């Protein structure tokens, strides 16, 4: 995910659109259960499904602070190094007010639906 070649850019774009679809499904399922949820656009830091406030959410910085992932500067952007996958990651964030058990149930259900 570190190069600027056309093939790598196409993979990044595909992963971004995969996150948009996954995130929309997650938000939909949590909202159906009565909980607020949203995802941020990793390209802009803006919320995708609710009105945005004055601040952007920096996914790389969030992963650095909250998950202790190590970022490094690569020209004009910061890249994360995941403990297991290294730099083969695309940081993205979901937010919700749902209890953790509800989130786990929804994620488990989504995973089961993918394997059917």
N, C-alpha and C. Protein backbone atom coordinates (compact mmCIF):
# COMPACT_ATOMS: atom_id res chain seq x y z
N UNK A 1 0.82 -1.19 0.00
CA UNK A 1 0.00 0.00 0.00
C UNK A 1 0.87 1.26 0.00
N UNK A 2 2.17 1.09 -0.09
CA UNK A 2 3.05 2.24 0.02
C UNK A 2 3.43 2.88 -1.31
N UNK A 3 3.27 2.19 -2.40
CA UNK A 3 3.72 2.76 -3.67
C UNK A 3 2.64 3.63 -4.29
N UNK A 4 3.05 4.39 -5.28
CA UNK A 4 2.12 5.27 -5.99
C UNK A 4 1.82 4.74 -7.39
N UNK A 5 2.10 3.47 -7.64
CA UNK A 5 1.84 2.88 -8.95
C UNK A 5 0.34 2.72 -9.17
N UNK A 6 -0.05 2.65 -10.43
CA UNK A 6 -1.47 2.55 -10.79
C UNK A 6 -2.12 1.33 -10.15
N UNK A 7 -1.42 0.21 -10.13
CA UNK A 7 -1.97 -1.02 -9.55
C UNK A 7 -2.24 -0.85 -8.05
N UNK A 8 -1.31 -0.22 -7.36
CA UNK A 8 -1.48 0.02 -5.92
C UNK A 8 -2.62 1.00 -5.67
N UNK A 9 -2.71 2.04 -6.48
CA UNK A 9 -3.79 3.01 -6.33
C UNK A 9 -5.15 2.36 -6.57
N UNK A 10 -5.21 1.48 -7.54
CA UNK A 10 -6.47 0.76 -7.81
C UNK A 10 -6.85 -0.10 -6.61
N UNK A 11 -5.87 -0.74 -5.98
CA UNK A 11 -6.15 -1.56 -4.79
C UNK A 11 -6.64 -0.67 -3.64
N UNK A 12 -6.00 0.47 -3.45
CA UNK A 12 -6.43 1.40 -2.40
C UNK A 12 -7.87 1.85 -2.63
N UNK A 13 -8.19 2.19 -3.86
CA UNK A 13 -9.54 2.63 -4.19
C UNK A 13 -10.55 1.50 -3.94
N UNK A 14 -10.19 0.29 -4.32
CA UNK A 14 -11.08 -0.86 -4.10
C UNK A 14 -11.31 -1.07 -2.61
N UNK A 15 -10.25 -0.98 -1.80
CA UNK A 15 -10.38 -1.15 -0.35
C UNK A 15 -11.23 -0.03 0.26
N UNK A 16 -11.07 1.18 -0.24
CA UNK A 16 -11.87 2.30 0.26
C UNK A 16 -13.35 2.05 -0.02
N UNK A 17 -13.68 1.63 -1.23
CA UNK A 17 -15.09 1.37 -1.57
C UNK A 17 -15.63 0.16 -0.81
N UNK A 18 -14.78 -0.81 -0.52
CA UNK A 18 -15.18 -1.95 0.29
C UNK A 18 -15.53 -1.47 1.71
N UNK A 19 -14.72 -0.55 2.24
CA UNK A 19 -15.01 0.01 3.56
C UNK A 19 -16.32 0.79 3.55
N UNK A 20 -16.55 1.57 2.49
CA UNK A 20 -17.81 2.32 2.40
C UNK A 20 -19.02 1.37 2.45
N UNK A 21 -18.95 0.28 1.71
CA UNK A 21 -20.07 -0.69 1.70
C UNK A 21 -20.22 -1.36 3.07
N UNK A 22 -19.09 -1.81 3.62
CA UNK A 22 -19.11 -2.46 4.93
C UNK A 22 -19.62 -1.48 5.99
N UNK A 23 -19.11 -0.25 5.98
CA UNK A 23 -19.51 0.75 6.96
C UNK A 23 -20.98 1.11 6.85
N UNK A 24 -21.47 1.22 5.63
CA UNK A 24 -22.90 1.53 5.44
C UNK A 24 -23.76 0.42 6.03
N UNK A 25 -23.34 -0.82 5.84
CA UNK A 25 -24.09 -1.96 6.40
C UNK A 25 -24.03 -1.94 7.92
N UNK A 26 -22.86 -1.69 8.48
CA UNK A 26 -22.71 -1.61 9.93
C UNK A 26 -23.59 -0.51 10.51
N UNK A 27 -23.52 0.67 9.93
CA UNK A 27 -24.32 1.80 10.41
C UNK A 27 -25.81 1.48 10.31
N UNK A 28 -26.22 0.90 9.19
CA UNK A 28 -27.63 0.55 8.99
C UNK A 28 -28.11 -0.43 10.07
N UNK A 29 -27.33 -1.47 10.31
CA UNK A 29 -27.74 -2.48 11.29
C UNK A 29 -27.79 -1.92 12.71
N UNK A 30 -26.84 -1.07 13.05
CA UNK A 30 -26.86 -0.48 14.39
C UNK A 30 -28.01 0.50 14.54
N UNK A 31 -28.28 1.28 13.50
CA UNK A 31 -29.41 2.22 13.54
C UNK A 31 -30.74 1.47 13.64
N UNK A 32 -30.85 0.33 12.95
CA UNK A 32 -32.07 -0.49 13.04
C UNK A 32 -32.32 -0.95 14.47
N UNK A 33 -31.25 -1.10 15.24
CA UNK A 33 -31.37 -1.50 16.65
C UNK A 33 -31.57 -0.30 17.57
N UNK A 34 -31.63 0.89 16.97
CA UNK A 34 -31.92 2.09 17.76
C UNK A 34 -30.70 2.85 18.24
N UNK A 35 -29.53 2.56 17.70
CA UNK A 35 -28.31 3.23 18.15
C UNK A 35 -27.75 4.13 17.05
N UNK A 36 -27.21 5.27 17.47
CA UNK A 36 -26.52 6.14 16.54
C UNK A 36 -25.21 5.48 16.12
N UNK A 37 -24.86 5.62 14.85
CA UNK A 37 -23.58 5.13 14.35
C UNK A 37 -23.21 5.92 13.10
N UNK A 38 -21.93 5.99 12.82
CA UNK A 38 -21.43 6.63 11.61
C UNK A 38 -20.03 6.12 11.34
N UNK A 39 -19.56 6.35 10.13
CA UNK A 39 -18.18 6.08 9.77
C UNK A 39 -17.60 7.37 9.23
N UNK A 40 -16.29 7.46 9.28
CA UNK A 40 -15.64 8.63 8.70
C UNK A 40 -15.02 8.25 7.36
N UNK A 41 -14.99 9.22 6.49
CA UNK A 41 -14.33 9.04 5.21
C UNK A 41 -12.83 9.15 5.45
N UNK A 42 -12.08 8.05 5.24
CA UNK A 42 -10.64 8.10 5.50
C UNK A 42 -9.90 9.13 4.64
N UNK A 43 -10.47 9.50 3.52
CA UNK A 43 -9.82 10.48 2.65
C UNK A 43 -9.96 11.90 3.18
N UNK A 44 -11.09 12.20 3.83
CA UNK A 44 -11.33 13.58 4.27
C UNK A 44 -11.45 13.74 5.78
N UNK A 45 -11.76 12.65 6.49
CA UNK A 45 -12.00 12.74 7.92
C UNK A 45 -13.41 13.18 8.28
N UNK A 46 -14.27 13.34 7.27
CA UNK A 46 -15.64 13.79 7.50
C UNK A 46 -16.56 12.61 7.78
N UNK A 47 -17.57 12.84 8.61
CA UNK A 47 -18.60 11.83 8.85
C UNK A 47 -19.38 11.62 7.55
N UNK A 48 -19.76 10.36 7.29
CA UNK A 48 -20.44 10.06 6.03
C UNK A 48 -21.96 10.09 6.11
N UNK A 49 -22.54 9.80 7.26
CA UNK A 49 -24.00 9.66 7.33
C UNK A 49 -24.70 10.67 8.23
N UNK A 50 -23.96 11.45 8.96
CA UNK A 50 -24.56 12.46 9.83
C UNK A 50 -23.94 13.81 9.53
N UNK A 51 -24.56 14.86 10.05
CA UNK A 51 -24.01 16.20 9.85
C UNK A 51 -22.65 16.31 10.52
N UNK A 52 -21.74 16.91 9.82
CA UNK A 52 -20.38 17.05 10.33
C UNK A 52 -20.26 18.26 11.23
N UNK A 53 -19.45 18.12 12.24
CA UNK A 53 -19.11 19.25 13.08
C UNK A 53 -17.93 20.00 12.47
N UNK A 54 -17.32 20.88 13.24
CA UNK A 54 -16.24 21.70 12.71
C UNK A 54 -14.89 20.97 12.60
N UNK A 55 -14.78 19.78 13.20
CA UNK A 55 -13.50 19.07 13.23
C UNK A 55 -13.51 17.84 12.34
N UNK A 56 -12.35 17.50 11.83
CA UNK A 56 -12.16 16.29 11.05
C UNK A 56 -11.59 15.22 11.97
N UNK A 57 -11.83 13.95 11.64
CA UNK A 57 -11.25 12.87 12.44
C UNK A 57 -10.07 12.28 11.68
N UNK A 58 -8.86 12.38 12.24
CA UNK A 58 -7.68 11.83 11.58
C UNK A 58 -7.50 10.35 11.94
N UNK A 59 -7.81 9.45 11.01
CA UNK A 59 -7.76 8.02 11.27
C UNK A 59 -6.38 7.53 11.71
N UNK A 60 -5.33 8.01 11.06
CA UNK A 60 -3.98 7.56 11.41
C UNK A 60 -3.64 8.01 12.83
N UNK A 61 -3.93 9.26 13.14
CA UNK A 61 -3.65 9.77 14.49
C UNK A 61 -4.48 9.04 15.54
N UNK A 62 -5.73 8.74 15.22
CA UNK A 62 -6.57 7.99 16.14
C UNK A 62 -6.01 6.61 16.42
N UNK A 63 -5.55 5.92 15.38
CA UNK A 63 -4.97 4.59 15.57
C UNK A 63 -3.67 4.67 16.36
N UNK A 64 -2.93 5.72 16.14
CA UNK A 64 -1.68 5.91 16.89
C UNK A 64 -1.96 6.09 18.38
N UNK A 65 -2.89 6.97 18.70
CA UNK A 65 -3.17 7.29 20.11
C UNK A 65 -3.97 6.19 20.80
N UNK A 66 -5.04 5.71 20.15
CA UNK A 66 -5.93 4.75 20.81
C UNK A 66 -5.45 3.30 20.74
N UNK A 67 -4.79 2.94 19.67
CA UNK A 67 -4.37 1.54 19.48
C UNK A 67 -2.86 1.36 19.61
N UNK A 68 -2.14 2.47 19.72
CA UNK A 68 -0.68 2.45 19.85
C UNK A 68 0.02 1.89 18.61
N UNK A 69 -0.59 2.09 17.43
CA UNK A 69 0.04 1.68 16.18
C UNK A 69 1.10 2.72 15.82
N UNK A 70 2.18 2.26 15.24
CA UNK A 70 3.28 3.15 14.91
C UNK A 70 3.12 3.75 13.52
N UNK A 71 2.97 5.07 13.42
CA UNK A 71 2.91 5.70 12.09
C UNK A 71 4.29 6.18 11.66
N UNK A 72 4.47 6.36 10.39
CA UNK A 72 5.67 7.02 9.90
C UNK A 72 5.31 7.88 8.70
N UNK A 73 6.12 8.90 8.49
CA UNK A 73 5.85 9.87 7.43
C UNK A 73 6.40 9.36 6.11
N UNK A 74 5.53 9.34 5.11
CA UNK A 74 5.93 8.91 3.77
C UNK A 74 5.60 10.05 2.81
N UNK A 75 6.50 10.98 2.73
CA UNK A 75 6.26 12.13 1.84
C UNK A 75 5.19 13.04 2.40
N UNK A 76 4.02 13.07 1.73
CA UNK A 76 2.96 13.99 2.15
C UNK A 76 1.86 13.32 2.96
N UNK A 77 2.07 12.09 3.42
CA UNK A 77 1.04 11.45 4.26
C UNK A 77 1.70 10.54 5.29
N UNK A 78 0.94 10.24 6.33
CA UNK A 78 1.41 9.32 7.35
C UNK A 78 0.83 7.94 7.08
N UNK A 79 1.63 6.93 7.33
CA UNK A 79 1.27 5.53 7.09
C UNK A 79 1.34 4.80 8.42
N UNK A 80 0.39 3.90 8.64
CA UNK A 80 0.39 3.10 9.86
C UNK A 80 1.13 1.79 9.66
N UNK A 81 1.70 1.31 10.74
CA UNK A 81 2.27 -0.03 10.74
C UNK A 81 1.48 -0.85 11.75
N UNK A 82 0.64 -1.76 11.25
CA UNK A 82 -0.18 -2.63 12.08
C UNK A 82 0.72 -3.72 12.67
N UNK A 83 0.47 -4.12 13.93
CA UNK A 83 1.31 -5.14 14.56
C UNK A 83 1.36 -6.47 13.81
N UNK A 84 0.29 -6.82 13.12
CA UNK A 84 0.25 -8.11 12.41
C UNK A 84 0.44 -7.94 10.90
N UNK A 85 -0.23 -6.96 10.30
CA UNK A 85 -0.24 -6.80 8.85
C UNK A 85 0.76 -5.77 8.33
N UNK A 86 1.52 -5.16 9.21
CA UNK A 86 2.50 -4.17 8.78
C UNK A 86 1.83 -2.99 8.10
N UNK A 87 2.35 -2.60 6.95
CA UNK A 87 1.80 -1.44 6.24
C UNK A 87 0.73 -1.84 5.23
N UNK A 88 0.30 -3.08 5.24
CA UNK A 88 -0.76 -3.54 4.33
C UNK A 88 -2.14 -3.28 4.95
N UNK A 89 -2.37 -2.06 5.38
CA UNK A 89 -3.62 -1.68 6.02
C UNK A 89 -4.10 -0.35 5.46
N UNK A 90 -5.40 -0.13 5.61
CA UNK A 90 -6.02 1.12 5.21
C UNK A 90 -6.84 1.57 6.42
N UNK A 91 -6.35 2.56 7.17
CA UNK A 91 -7.06 2.95 8.39
C UNK A 91 -8.42 3.58 8.10
N UNK A 92 -9.40 3.16 8.84
CA UNK A 92 -10.75 3.70 8.71
C UNK A 92 -11.43 3.54 10.07
N UNK A 93 -12.42 4.38 10.35
CA UNK A 93 -13.01 4.42 11.69
C UNK A 93 -14.53 4.43 11.63
N UNK A 94 -15.11 3.67 12.56
CA UNK A 94 -16.56 3.67 12.79
C UNK A 94 -16.79 4.15 14.22
N UNK A 95 -17.87 4.88 14.42
CA UNK A 95 -18.26 5.37 15.74
C UNK A 95 -19.69 4.94 16.01
N UNK A 96 -20.00 4.64 17.27
CA UNK A 96 -21.37 4.31 17.63
C UNK A 96 -21.59 4.55 19.12
N UNK A 97 -22.85 4.67 19.48
CA UNK A 97 -23.25 4.76 20.89
C UNK A 97 -23.80 3.42 21.37
N UNK A 98 -23.75 2.41 20.54
CA UNK A 98 -24.25 1.08 20.91
C UNK A 98 -23.31 0.43 21.94
N UNK A 99 -23.88 -0.37 22.84
CA UNK A 99 -23.04 -1.11 23.79
C UNK A 99 -22.13 -2.08 23.03
N UNK A 100 -20.98 -2.38 23.60
CA UNK A 100 -20.00 -3.23 22.93
C UNK A 100 -20.59 -4.60 22.56
N UNK A 101 -21.44 -5.15 23.40
CA UNK A 101 -22.03 -6.46 23.08
C UNK A 101 -22.92 -6.39 21.84
N UNK A 102 -23.64 -5.30 21.69
CA UNK A 102 -24.46 -5.11 20.49
C UNK A 102 -23.57 -4.99 19.25
N UNK A 103 -22.48 -4.26 19.37
CA UNK A 103 -21.55 -4.12 18.25
C UNK A 103 -20.98 -5.49 17.88
N UNK A 104 -20.59 -6.27 18.88
CA UNK A 104 -20.06 -7.61 18.62
C UNK A 104 -21.09 -8.49 17.92
N UNK A 105 -22.33 -8.42 18.37
CA UNK A 105 -23.39 -9.22 17.74
C UNK A 105 -23.59 -8.81 16.28
N UNK A 106 -23.63 -7.53 16.03
CA UNK A 106 -23.83 -7.04 14.66
C UNK A 106 -22.65 -7.45 13.78
N UNK A 107 -21.43 -7.28 14.26
CA UNK A 107 -20.25 -7.68 13.48
C UNK A 107 -20.24 -9.17 13.21
N UNK A 108 -20.61 -9.96 14.21
CA UNK A 108 -20.68 -11.41 14.02
C UNK A 108 -21.72 -11.77 12.98
N UNK A 109 -22.86 -11.12 13.03
CA UNK A 109 -23.92 -11.36 12.05
C UNK A 109 -23.47 -10.97 10.65
N UNK A 110 -22.77 -9.86 10.53
CA UNK A 110 -22.27 -9.43 9.24
C UNK A 110 -21.25 -10.43 8.69
N UNK A 111 -20.41 -10.94 9.57
CA UNK A 111 -19.41 -11.92 9.14
C UNK A 111 -20.08 -13.21 8.67
N UNK A 112 -21.09 -13.66 9.40
CA UNK A 112 -21.83 -14.86 9.01
C UNK A 112 -22.51 -14.67 7.65
N UNK A 113 -23.08 -13.49 7.45
CA UNK A 113 -23.75 -13.20 6.18
C UNK A 113 -22.77 -13.22 5.01
N UNK A 114 -21.53 -12.83 5.26
CA UNK A 114 -20.51 -12.83 4.20
C UNK A 114 -20.12 -14.25 3.78
N UNK A 115 -20.23 -15.18 4.70
CA UNK A 115 -19.78 -16.55 4.43
C UNK A 115 -20.92 -17.46 3.98
N UNK A 116 -22.09 -16.90 3.73
CA UNK A 116 -23.21 -17.72 3.27
C UNK A 116 -23.34 -17.67 1.77
